[in-house]
Amino acid sequence: MITVNNLSLNMAGHTLYEDVNLKFTPGNCYGIIGANGAGKSTFLKLLEGKIEPTTGSITIGANERISSLNQDHFAFEEFTVMETVIQGHKQLYDVMKQKDALYAKADFSDADGVLAAELETKFAELDGWNAEADSAKLLQSLGVAEELHQTMMSELPESVKVKVLLAQALFGNPDILLLDEPTNGLDVHTIEWLENFLANYENIVMVVSHDRHFLNQVCTQMCDVDRGKIQLYVGNYDFWYESSKLATELANNQND
């Protein structure tokens, strides 16, 4: 669960949000909508802890893992496709690298043996033995051929890099999934697969997208960022549109 309590954010003398109080719960996909510059992507960065609110707080459930779609397509040029995907689960990837470094030592000591046992236990707890198989399954579902899984990211065309970074975000079933324009650069088949994946996702999904059809297919609630406020509406994009249009008409009638 995500709890936003009395949140406000000022940037460069401009108030993006003020006194925002919201709760986001598992089993829902929240579409974040609003005008350009309203602060949709900034809200995702707040949730991820990349920026701090001016006032208020954001509380994440204990031991819940957040994953987000990386916007830097050149951040993993020195890694293989498989390594890039597994880095979506940072704790698991760190344990894997520690294990590899330990077993590569020429002078493996008794103390190293104790540490190795601890790492193996943690690795198993994090489902590390299935990491490569799970990564490969995600990649193939997104249309990244098996022969590319050990290819360096620097050798891939942009259209494939986008899919690998999406697989990285989805890897390991994160408790909270933050997706900023996830359909950009994707073909129709991959978008359809993603729609089905998110529609059946059991944890929290927060998505910013200008693709109305996509929002209609995956969202259970809409998060409207407008004039310093963030309001939740139950339903998909079309339901939000009709509800907001009705609210505007009622407000105009009251002012007549």
C-alpha atoms as a PDB file:
ATOM      1  CA  MET A   1       0.000   0.000   0.000  1.00  0.00           C
ATOM      2  CA  ILE A   2       1.044   3.600  -0.638  1.00  0.00           C
ATOM      3  CA  THR A   3      -0.221   6.318   1.694  1.00  0.00           C
ATOM      4  CA  VAL A   4       0.186   9.965   0.706  1.00  0.00           C
ATOM      5  CA  ASN A   5      -0.369  12.274   3.658  1.00  0.00           C
ATOM      6  CA  ASN A   6      -0.727  16.090   3.424  1.00  0.00           C
ATOM      7  CA  LEU A   7       1.715  16.205   0.526  1.00  0.00           C
ATOM      8  CA  SER A   8       2.736  19.475  -1.089  1.00  0.00           C
ATOM      9  CA  LEU A   9       5.456  20.188  -3.634  1.00  0.00           C
ATOM     10  CA  ASN A  10       6.912  23.506  -4.698  1.00  0.00           C
ATOM     11  CA  MET A  11       9.381  23.649  -7.570  1.00  0.00           C
ATOM     12  CA  ALA A  12      11.049  26.837  -8.797  1.00  0.00           C
ATOM     13  CA  GLY A  13       8.507  28.921  -6.916  1.00  0.00           C
ATOM     14  CA  HIS A  14       5.575  27.063  -8.471  1.00  0.00           C
ATOM     15  CA  THR A  15       3.167  24.889  -6.457  1.00  0.00           C
ATOM     16  CA  LEU A  16       2.606  21.603  -8.258  1.00  0.00           C
ATOM     17  CA  TYR A  17       0.478  19.969  -5.546  1.00  0.00           C
ATOM     18  CA  GLU A  18      -0.966  21.091  -2.248  1.00  0.00           C
ATOM     19  CA  ASP A  19      -2.404  19.085   0.673  1.00  0.00           C
ATOM     20  CA  VAL A  20      -2.713  15.809  -1.238  1.00  0.00           C
ATOM     21  CA  ASN A  21      -4.084  12.846   0.724  1.00  0.00           C
ATOM     22  CA  LEU A  22      -4.411   9.535  -1.112  1.00  0.00           C
ATOM     23  CA  LYS A  23      -4.176   5.767  -0.676  1.00  0.00           C
ATOM     24  CA  PHE A  24      -3.155   3.319  -3.391  1.00  0.00           C
ATOM     25  CA  THR A  25      -3.938  -0.345  -2.806  1.00  0.00           C
ATOM     26  CA  PRO A  26      -2.862  -3.674  -4.374  1.00  0.00           C
ATOM     27  CA  GLY A  27      -4.888  -5.074  -7.236  1.00  0.00           C
ATOM     28  CA  ASN A  28      -5.381  -1.677  -8.842  1.00  0.00           C
ATOM     29  CA  CYS A  29      -3.832   0.008 -11.846  1.00  0.00           C
ATOM     30  CA  TYR A  30      -3.904   3.786 -11.474  1.00  0.00           C
ATOM     31  CA  GLY A  31      -3.743   5.953 -14.582  1.00  0.00           C
ATOM     32  CA  ILE A  32      -2.136   9.316 -13.848  1.00  0.00           C
ATOM     33  CA  ILE A  33      -3.555  11.978 -16.139  1.00  0.00           C
ATOM     34  CA  GLY A  34      -3.401  15.752 -16.448  1.00  0.00           C
ATOM     35  CA  ALA A  35      -2.248  18.552 -18.706  1.00  0.00           C
ATOM     36  CA  ASN A  36       1.356  18.810 -19.850  1.00  0.00           C
ATOM     37  CA  GLY A  37       3.382  20.291 -17.001  1.00  0.00           C
ATOM     38  CA  ALA A  38       0.809  19.340 -14.370  1.00  0.00           C
ATOM     39  CA  GLY A  39       3.328  17.097 -12.613  1.00  0.00           C
ATOM     40  CA  LYS A  40       2.389  13.548 -13.644  1.00  0.00           C
ATOM     41  CA  SER A  41       5.924  12.222 -14.069  1.00  0.00           C
ATOM     42  CA  THR A  42       7.064  14.245 -11.062  1.00  0.00           C
ATOM     43  CA  PHE A  43       4.473  12.447  -8.947  1.00  0.00           C
ATOM     44  CA  LEU A  44       6.014   9.107  -9.937  1.00  0.00           C
ATOM     45  CA  LYS A  45       9.438  10.415  -8.894  1.00  0.00           C
ATOM     46  CA  LEU A  46       7.984  11.435  -5.532  1.00  0.00           C
ATOM     47  CA  LEU A  47       6.540   7.958  -5.017  1.00  0.00           C
ATOM     48  CA  GLU A  48       9.890   6.379  -5.874  1.00  0.00           C
ATOM     49  CA  GLY A  49      11.752   8.681  -3.496  1.00  0.00           C
ATOM     50  CA  LYS A  50      13.820  10.350  -6.219  1.00  0.00           C
ATOM     51  CA  ILE A  51      12.649  13.761  -5.031  1.00  0.00           C
ATOM     52  CA  GLU A  52      11.401  14.888  -1.629  1.00  0.00           C
ATOM     53  CA  PRO A  53       8.055  16.629  -1.025  1.00  0.00           C
ATOM     54  CA  THR A  54       8.063  20.162   0.330  1.00  0.00           C
ATOM     55  CA  THR A  55       5.691  19.086   3.090  1.00  0.00           C
ATOM     56  CA  GLY A  56       3.890  15.881   4.007  1.00  0.00           C
ATOM     57  CA  SER A  57       4.920  12.262   3.594  1.00  0.00           C
ATOM     58  CA  ILE A  58       4.675   9.172   1.414  1.00  0.00           C
ATOM     59  CA  THR A  59       4.585   5.835   3.237  1.00  0.00           C
ATOM     60  CA  ILE A  60       5.231   2.507   1.546  1.00  0.00           C
ATOM     61  CA  GLY A  61       4.317  -0.847   3.099  1.00  0.00           C
ATOM     62  CA  ALA A  62       7.074  -2.644   5.008  1.00  0.00           C
ATOM     63  CA  ASN A  63       9.460  -4.631   2.764  1.00  0.00           C
ATOM     64  CA  GLU A  64       7.603  -3.598  -0.387  1.00  0.00           C
ATOM     65  CA  ARG A  65       9.737  -3.286  -3.498  1.00  0.00           C
ATOM     66  CA  ILE A  66       9.300  -0.477  -6.025  1.00  0.00           C
ATOM     67  CA  SER A  67      10.281  -0.863  -9.665  1.00  0.00           C
ATOM     68  CA  SER A  68      10.116   1.767 -12.393  1.00  0.00           C
ATOM     69  CA  LEU A  69      10.595   2.005 -16.146  1.00  0.00           C
ATOM     70  CA  ASN A  70      14.046   3.462 -16.797  1.00  0.00           C
ATOM     71  CA  GLN A  71      13.910   6.396 -19.225  1.00  0.00           C
ATOM     72  CA  ASP A  72      17.649   6.358 -19.971  1.00  0.00           C
ATOM     73  CA  HIS A  73      18.092   4.003 -22.909  1.00  0.00           C
ATOM     74  CA  PHE A  74      21.894   4.170 -22.623  1.00  0.00           C
ATOM     75  CA  ALA A  75      22.223   3.411 -18.903  1.00  0.00           C
ATOM     76  CA  PHE A  76      23.087  -0.276 -19.381  1.00  0.00           C
ATOM     77  CA  GLU A  77      25.321  -0.254 -22.437  1.00  0.00           C
ATOM     78  CA  GLU A  78      28.043  -2.284 -20.655  1.00  0.00           C
ATOM     79  CA  PHE A  79      25.681  -5.114 -19.660  1.00  0.00           C
ATOM     80  CA  THR A  80      24.057  -7.983 -21.488  1.00  0.00           C
ATOM     81  CA  VAL A  81      20.313  -8.077 -22.072  1.00  0.00           C
ATOM     82  CA  MET A  82      19.874 -10.754 -19.388  1.00  0.00           C
ATOM     83  CA  GLU A  83      21.935  -8.827 -16.824  1.00  0.00           C
ATOM     84  CA  THR A  84      19.975  -5.659 -17.564  1.00  0.00           C
ATOM     85  CA  VAL A  85      16.638  -7.337 -16.906  1.00  0.00           C
ATOM     86  CA  ILE A  86      17.768  -8.947 -13.639  1.00  0.00           C
ATOM     87  CA  GLN A  87      19.017  -5.563 -12.421  1.00  0.00           C
ATOM     88  CA  GLY A  88      15.340  -4.680 -12.149  1.00  0.00           C
ATOM     89  CA  HIS A  89      15.542  -6.499  -8.809  1.00  0.00           C
ATOM     90  CA  LYS A  90      18.526  -4.685  -7.314  1.00  0.00           C
ATOM     91  CA  GLN A  91      18.804  -6.772  -4.147  1.00  0.00           C
ATOM     92  CA  LEU A  92      18.814 -10.020  -6.095  1.00  0.00           C
ATOM     93  CA  TYR A  93      21.343  -8.720  -8.619  1.00  0.00           C
ATOM     94  CA  ASP A  94      23.655  -7.498  -5.847  1.00  0.00           C
ATOM     95  CA  VAL A  95      23.561 -10.927  -4.175  1.00  0.00           C
ATOM     96  CA  MET A  96      24.331 -12.597  -7.509  1.00  0.00           C
ATOM     97  CA  LYS A  97      27.369 -10.376  -8.103  1.00  0.00           C
ATOM     98  CA  GLN A  98      28.636 -10.913  -4.546  1.00  0.00           C
ATOM     99  CA  LYS A  99      28.346 -14.681  -5.029  1.00  0.00           C
ATOM    100  CA  ASP A 100      30.201 -14.572  -8.339  1.00  0.00           C
ATOM    101  CA  ALA A 101      33.014 -12.444  -6.895  1.00  0.00           C
ATOM    102  CA  LEU A 102      33.351 -14.695  -3.857  1.00  0.00           C
ATOM    103  CA  TYR A 103      33.550 -17.941  -5.813  1.00  0.00           C
ATOM    104  CA  ALA A 104      36.072 -16.370  -8.193  1.00  0.00           C
ATOM    105  CA  LYS A 105      38.570 -15.764  -5.375  1.00  0.00           C
ATOM    106  CA  ALA A 106      41.792 -17.759  -5.585  1.00  0.00           C
ATOM    107  CA  ASP A 107      42.224 -17.799  -1.796  1.00  0.00           C
ATOM    108  CA  PHE A 108      38.765 -18.931  -0.664  1.00  0.00           C
ATOM    109  CA  SER A 109      38.885 -18.864   3.171  1.00  0.00           C
ATOM    110  CA  ASP A 110      36.699 -20.334   5.920  1.00  0.00           C
ATOM    111  CA  ALA A 111      35.199 -16.885   6.443  1.00  0.00           C
ATOM    112  CA  ASP A 112      34.381 -16.766   2.728  1.00  0.00           C
ATOM    113  CA  GLY A 113      32.637 -20.107   3.132  1.00  0.00           C
ATOM    114  CA  VAL A 114      30.415 -18.716   5.893  1.00  0.00           C
ATOM    115  CA  LEU A 115      29.594 -15.646   3.780  1.00  0.00           C
ATOM    116  CA  ALA A 116      28.900 -17.826   0.753  1.00  0.00           C
ATOM    117  CA  ALA A 117      26.404 -19.894   2.760  1.00  0.00           C
ATOM    118  CA  GLU A 118      24.632 -16.714   3.856  1.00  0.00           C
ATOM    119  CA  LEU A 119      24.505 -15.432   0.289  1.00  0.00           C
ATOM    120  CA  GLU A 120      23.170 -18.747  -1.001  1.00  0.00           C
ATOM    121  CA  THR A 121      20.368 -18.635   1.577  1.00  0.00           C
ATOM    122  CA  LYS A 122      19.463 -15.080   0.585  1.00  0.00           C
ATOM    123  CA  PHE A 123      19.699 -15.986  -3.093  1.00  0.00           C
ATOM    124  CA  ALA A 124      17.210 -18.812  -2.615  1.00  0.00           C
ATOM    125  CA  GLU A 125      14.860 -16.580  -0.595  1.00  0.00           C
ATOM    126  CA  LEU A 126      14.828 -14.104  -3.493  1.00  0.00           C
ATOM    127  CA  ASP A 127      14.021 -16.909  -5.967  1.00  0.00           C
ATOM    128  CA  GLY A 128      17.398 -16.408  -7.575  1.00  0.00           C
ATOM    129  CA  TRP A 129      17.545 -19.912  -9.052  1.00  0.00           C
ATOM    130  CA  ASN A 130      14.666 -18.973 -11.370  1.00  0.00           C
ATOM    131  CA  ALA A 131      15.949 -15.490 -12.213  1.00  0.00           C
ATOM    132  CA  GLU A 132      17.380 -16.271 -15.637  1.00  0.00           C
ATOM    133  CA  ALA A 133      14.427 -18.448 -16.652  1.00  0.00           C
ATOM    134  CA  ASP A 134      11.952 -15.765 -15.515  1.00  0.00           C
ATOM    135  CA  SER A 135      13.943 -13.085 -17.307  1.00  0.00           C
ATOM    136  CA  ALA A 136      14.031 -15.123 -20.511  1.00  0.00           C
ATOM    137  CA  LYS A 137      10.284 -15.727 -20.352  1.00  0.00           C
ATOM    138  CA  LEU A 138       9.590 -11.999 -19.979  1.00  0.00           C
ATOM    139  CA  LEU A 139      11.913 -11.113 -22.846  1.00  0.00           C
ATOM    140  CA  GLN A 140      10.370 -13.660 -25.187  1.00  0.00           C
ATOM    141  CA  SER A 141       6.863 -12.487 -24.264  1.00  0.00           C
ATOM    142  CA  LEU A 142       7.918  -8.964 -25.224  1.00  0.00           C
ATOM    143  CA  GLY A 143       9.309 -10.157 -28.542  1.00  0.00           C
ATOM    144  CA  VAL A 144      13.027 -10.188 -27.702  1.00  0.00           C
ATOM    145  CA  ALA A 145      14.423 -13.320 -29.369  1.00  0.00           C
ATOM    146  CA  GLU A 146      16.408 -15.818 -27.287  1.00  0.00           C
ATOM    147  CA  GLU A 147      19.551 -15.327 -29.380  1.00  0.00           C
ATOM    148  CA  LEU A 148      19.699 -11.715 -28.155  1.00  0.00           C
ATOM    149  CA  HIS A 149      19.577 -12.501 -24.429  1.00  0.00           C
ATOM    150  CA  GLN A 150      23.377 -12.534 -24.032  1.00  0.00           C
ATOM    151  CA  THR A 151      23.926  -9.620 -26.420  1.00  0.00           C
ATOM    152  CA  MET A 152      25.369  -6.370 -25.080  1.00  0.00           C
ATOM    153  CA  MET A 153      22.815  -3.578 -24.756  1.00  0.00           C
ATOM    154  CA  SER A 154      25.117  -1.295 -26.760  1.00  0.00           C
ATOM    155  CA  GLU A 155      24.606  -3.537 -29.803  1.00  0.00           C
ATOM    156  CA  LEU A 156      20.803  -3.387 -29.794  1.00  0.00           C
ATOM    157  CA  PRO A 157      18.579  -1.139 -31.900  1.00  0.00           C
ATOM    158  CA  GLU A 158      16.413   1.346 -30.015  1.00  0.00           C
ATOM    159  CA  SER A 159      13.241  -0.660 -30.656  1.00  0.00           C
ATOM    160  CA  VAL A 160      14.676  -3.651 -28.762  1.00  0.00           C
ATOM    161  CA  LYS A 161      16.238  -1.609 -25.944  1.00  0.00           C
ATOM    162  CA  VAL A 162      12.776  -0.260 -25.103  1.00  0.00           C
ATOM    163  CA  LYS A 163      11.474  -3.798 -24.648  1.00  0.00           C
ATOM    164  CA  VAL A 164      14.447  -4.859 -22.512  1.00  0.00           C
ATOM    165  CA  LEU A 165      13.970  -1.898 -20.170  1.00  0.00           C
ATOM    166  CA  LEU A 166      10.274  -2.717 -19.896  1.00  0.00           C
ATOM    167  CA  ALA A 167      11.176  -6.316 -18.999  1.00  0.00           C
ATOM    168  CA  GLN A 168      13.550  -4.912 -16.373  1.00  0.00           C
ATOM    169  CA  ALA A 169      10.706  -2.934 -14.767  1.00  0.00           C
ATOM    170  CA  LEU A 170       8.374  -5.948 -14.740  1.00  0.00           C
ATOM    171  CA  PHE A 171      10.968  -8.459 -13.536  1.00  0.00           C
ATOM    172  CA  GLY A 172      10.382 -10.139 -10.184  1.00  0.00           C
ATOM    173  CA  ASN A 173       6.760  -8.994  -9.720  1.00  0.00           C
ATOM    174  CA  PRO A 174       7.473  -5.769  -7.816  1.00  0.00           C
ATOM    175  CA  ASP A 175       4.987  -4.715  -5.145  1.00  0.00           C
ATOM    176  CA  ILE A 176       4.738  -1.272  -6.721  1.00  0.00           C
ATOM    177  CA  LEU A 177       5.239  -0.778 -10.450  1.00  0.00           C
ATOM    178  CA  LEU A 178       5.759   2.750 -11.825  1.00  0.00           C
ATOM    179  CA  LEU A 179       5.446   3.117 -15.595  1.00  0.00           C
ATOM    180  CA  ASP A 180       5.985   6.432 -17.390  1.00  0.00           C
ATOM    181  CA  GLU A 181       4.732   6.230 -21.002  1.00  0.00           C
ATOM    182  CA  PRO A 182       5.329   2.448 -21.253  1.00  0.00           C
ATOM    183  CA  THR A 183       3.811   2.105 -24.749  1.00  0.00           C
ATOM    184  CA  ASN A 184       6.233   4.541 -26.399  1.00  0.00           C
ATOM    185  CA  GLY A 185       8.189   2.737 -29.107  1.00  0.00           C
ATOM    186  CA  LEU A 186       6.253  -0.528 -28.769  1.00  0.00           C
ATOM    187  CA  ASP A 187       4.562  -2.394 -31.613  1.00  0.00           C
ATOM    188  CA  VAL A 188       0.867  -3.272 -31.438  1.00  0.00           C
ATOM    189  CA  HIS A 189       1.468  -6.916 -30.479  1.00  0.00           C
ATOM    190  CA  THR A 190       3.689  -5.950 -27.553  1.00  0.00           C
ATOM    191  CA  ILE A 191       1.225  -3.325 -26.352  1.00  0.00           C
ATOM    192  CA  GLU A 192      -1.541  -5.941 -26.374  1.00  0.00           C
ATOM    193  CA  TRP A 193       0.642  -8.302 -24.341  1.00  0.00           C
ATOM    194  CA  LEU A 194       1.386  -5.518 -21.842  1.00  0.00           C
ATOM    195  CA  GLU A 195      -2.306  -4.667 -21.553  1.00  0.00           C
ATOM    196  CA  ASN A 196      -3.102  -8.266 -20.659  1.00  0.00           C
ATOM    197  CA  PHE A 197      -0.164  -8.476 -18.224  1.00  0.00           C
ATOM    198  CA  LEU A 198      -1.210  -5.334 -16.336  1.00  0.00           C
ATOM    199  CA  ALA A 199      -4.908  -6.208 -16.371  1.00  0.00           C
ATOM    200  CA  ASN A 200      -4.041  -9.356 -14.411  1.00  0.00           C
ATOM    201  CA  TYR A 201      -1.359  -7.849 -12.179  1.00  0.00           C
ATOM    202  CA  GLU A 202      -2.101  -8.350  -8.485  1.00  0.00           C
ATOM    203  CA  ASN A 203       0.048  -5.551  -7.035  1.00  0.00           C
ATOM    204  CA  ILE A 204      -0.002  -1.767  -7.406  1.00  0.00           C
ATOM    205  CA  VAL A 205       0.560  -0.227 -10.841  1.00  0.00           C
ATOM    206  CA  MET A 206       0.910   3.507 -11.474  1.00  0.00           C
ATOM    207  CA  VAL A 207       1.010   4.490 -15.132  1.00  0.00           C
ATOM    208  CA  VAL A 208       1.426   7.785 -16.975  1.00  0.00           C
ATOM    209  CA  SER A 209       0.284   7.541 -20.588  1.00  0.00           C
ATOM    210  CA  HIS A 210      -1.185   9.657 -23.375  1.00  0.00           C
ATOM    211  CA  ASP A 211      -2.598   6.480 -24.954  1.00  0.00           C
ATOM    212  CA  ARG A 212      -6.285   6.615 -24.050  1.00  0.00           C
ATOM    213  CA  HIS A 213      -7.029   3.152 -25.405  1.00  0.00           C
ATOM    214  CA  PHE A 214      -4.241   1.707 -23.264  1.00  0.00           C
ATOM    215  CA  LEU A 215      -5.564   3.494 -20.160  1.00  0.00           C
ATOM    216  CA  ASN A 216      -9.051   2.155 -20.850  1.00  0.00           C
ATOM    217  CA  GLN A 217      -7.729  -1.382 -21.131  1.00  0.00           C
ATOM    218  CA  VAL A 218      -5.588  -1.508 -17.977  1.00  0.00           C
ATOM    219  CA  CYS A 219      -6.772   1.089 -15.447  1.00  0.00           C
ATOM    220  CA  THR A 220      -9.154   0.447 -12.587  1.00  0.00           C
ATOM    221  CA  GLN A 221      -8.858   4.001 -11.246  1.00  0.00           C
ATOM    222  CA  MET A 222      -7.767   7.371 -12.627  1.00  0.00           C
ATOM    223  CA  CYS A 223      -5.551   9.815 -10.758  1.00  0.00           C
ATOM    224  CA  ASP A 224      -6.303  13.329 -12.060  1.00  0.00           C
ATOM    225  CA  VAL A 225      -3.538  15.910 -11.510  1.00  0.00           C
ATOM    226  CA  ASP A 226      -5.135  19.331 -11.944  1.00  0.00           C
ATOM    227  CA  ARG A 227      -4.621  22.806 -10.457  1.00  0.00           C
ATOM    228  CA  GLY A 228      -2.501  21.673  -7.557  1.00  0.00           C
ATOM    229  CA  LYS A 229      -4.852  18.866  -6.578  1.00  0.00           C
ATOM    230  CA  ILE A 230      -4.771  15.121  -7.221  1.00  0.00           C
ATOM    231  CA  GLN A 231      -8.123  13.348  -7.209  1.00  0.00           C
ATOM    232  CA  LEU A 232      -8.964   9.668  -7.610  1.00  0.00           C
ATOM    233  CA  TYR A 233     -11.836   8.424  -9.779  1.00  0.00           C
ATOM    234  CA  VAL A 234     -12.952   4.789  -9.820  1.00  0.00           C
ATOM    235  CA  GLY A 235     -13.034   3.412 -13.354  1.00  0.00           C
ATOM    236  CA  ASN A 236     -11.029   3.707 -16.555  1.00  0.00           C
ATOM    237  CA  TYR A 237     -10.270   6.744 -18.725  1.00  0.00           C
ATOM    238  CA  ASP A 238     -13.676   6.903 -20.411  1.00  0.00           C
ATOM    239  CA  PHE A 239     -15.431   6.754 -17.045  1.00  0.00           C
ATOM    240  CA  TRP A 240     -13.211   9.584 -15.737  1.00  0.00           C
ATOM    241  CA  TYR A 241     -13.898  11.658 -18.857  1.00  0.00           C
ATOM    242  CA  GLU A 242     -17.672  11.353 -18.520  1.00  0.00           C
ATOM    243  CA  SER A 243     -17.520  12.000 -14.763  1.00  0.00           C
ATOM    244  CA  SER A 244     -15.348  15.093 -15.121  1.00  0.00           C
ATOM    245  CA  LYS A 245     -17.516  16.426 -17.963  1.00  0.00           C
ATOM    246  CA  LEU A 246     -20.616  15.990 -15.809  1.00  0.00           C
ATOM    247  CA  ALA A 247     -18.924  17.715 -12.872  1.00  0.00           C
ATOM    248  CA  THR A 248     -17.980  20.661 -15.098  1.00  0.00           C
ATOM    249  CA  GLU A 249     -21.548  20.952 -16.399  1.00  0.00           C
ATOM    250  CA  LEU A 250     -22.946  20.926 -12.859  1.00  0.00           C
ATOM    251  CA  ALA A 251     -20.467  23.576 -11.758  1.00  0.00           C
ATOM    252  CA  ASN A 252     -21.355  25.775 -14.729  1.00  0.00           C
ATOM    253  CA  ASN A 253     -25.076  25.390 -14.034  1.00  0.00           C
ATOM    254  CA  GLN A 254     -24.560  26.420 -10.408  1.00  0.00           C
ATOM    255  CA  ASN A 255     -22.702  29.529 -11.538  1.00  0.00           C
ATOM    256  CA  ASP A 256     -25.474  30.573 -13.957  1.00  0.00           C
END
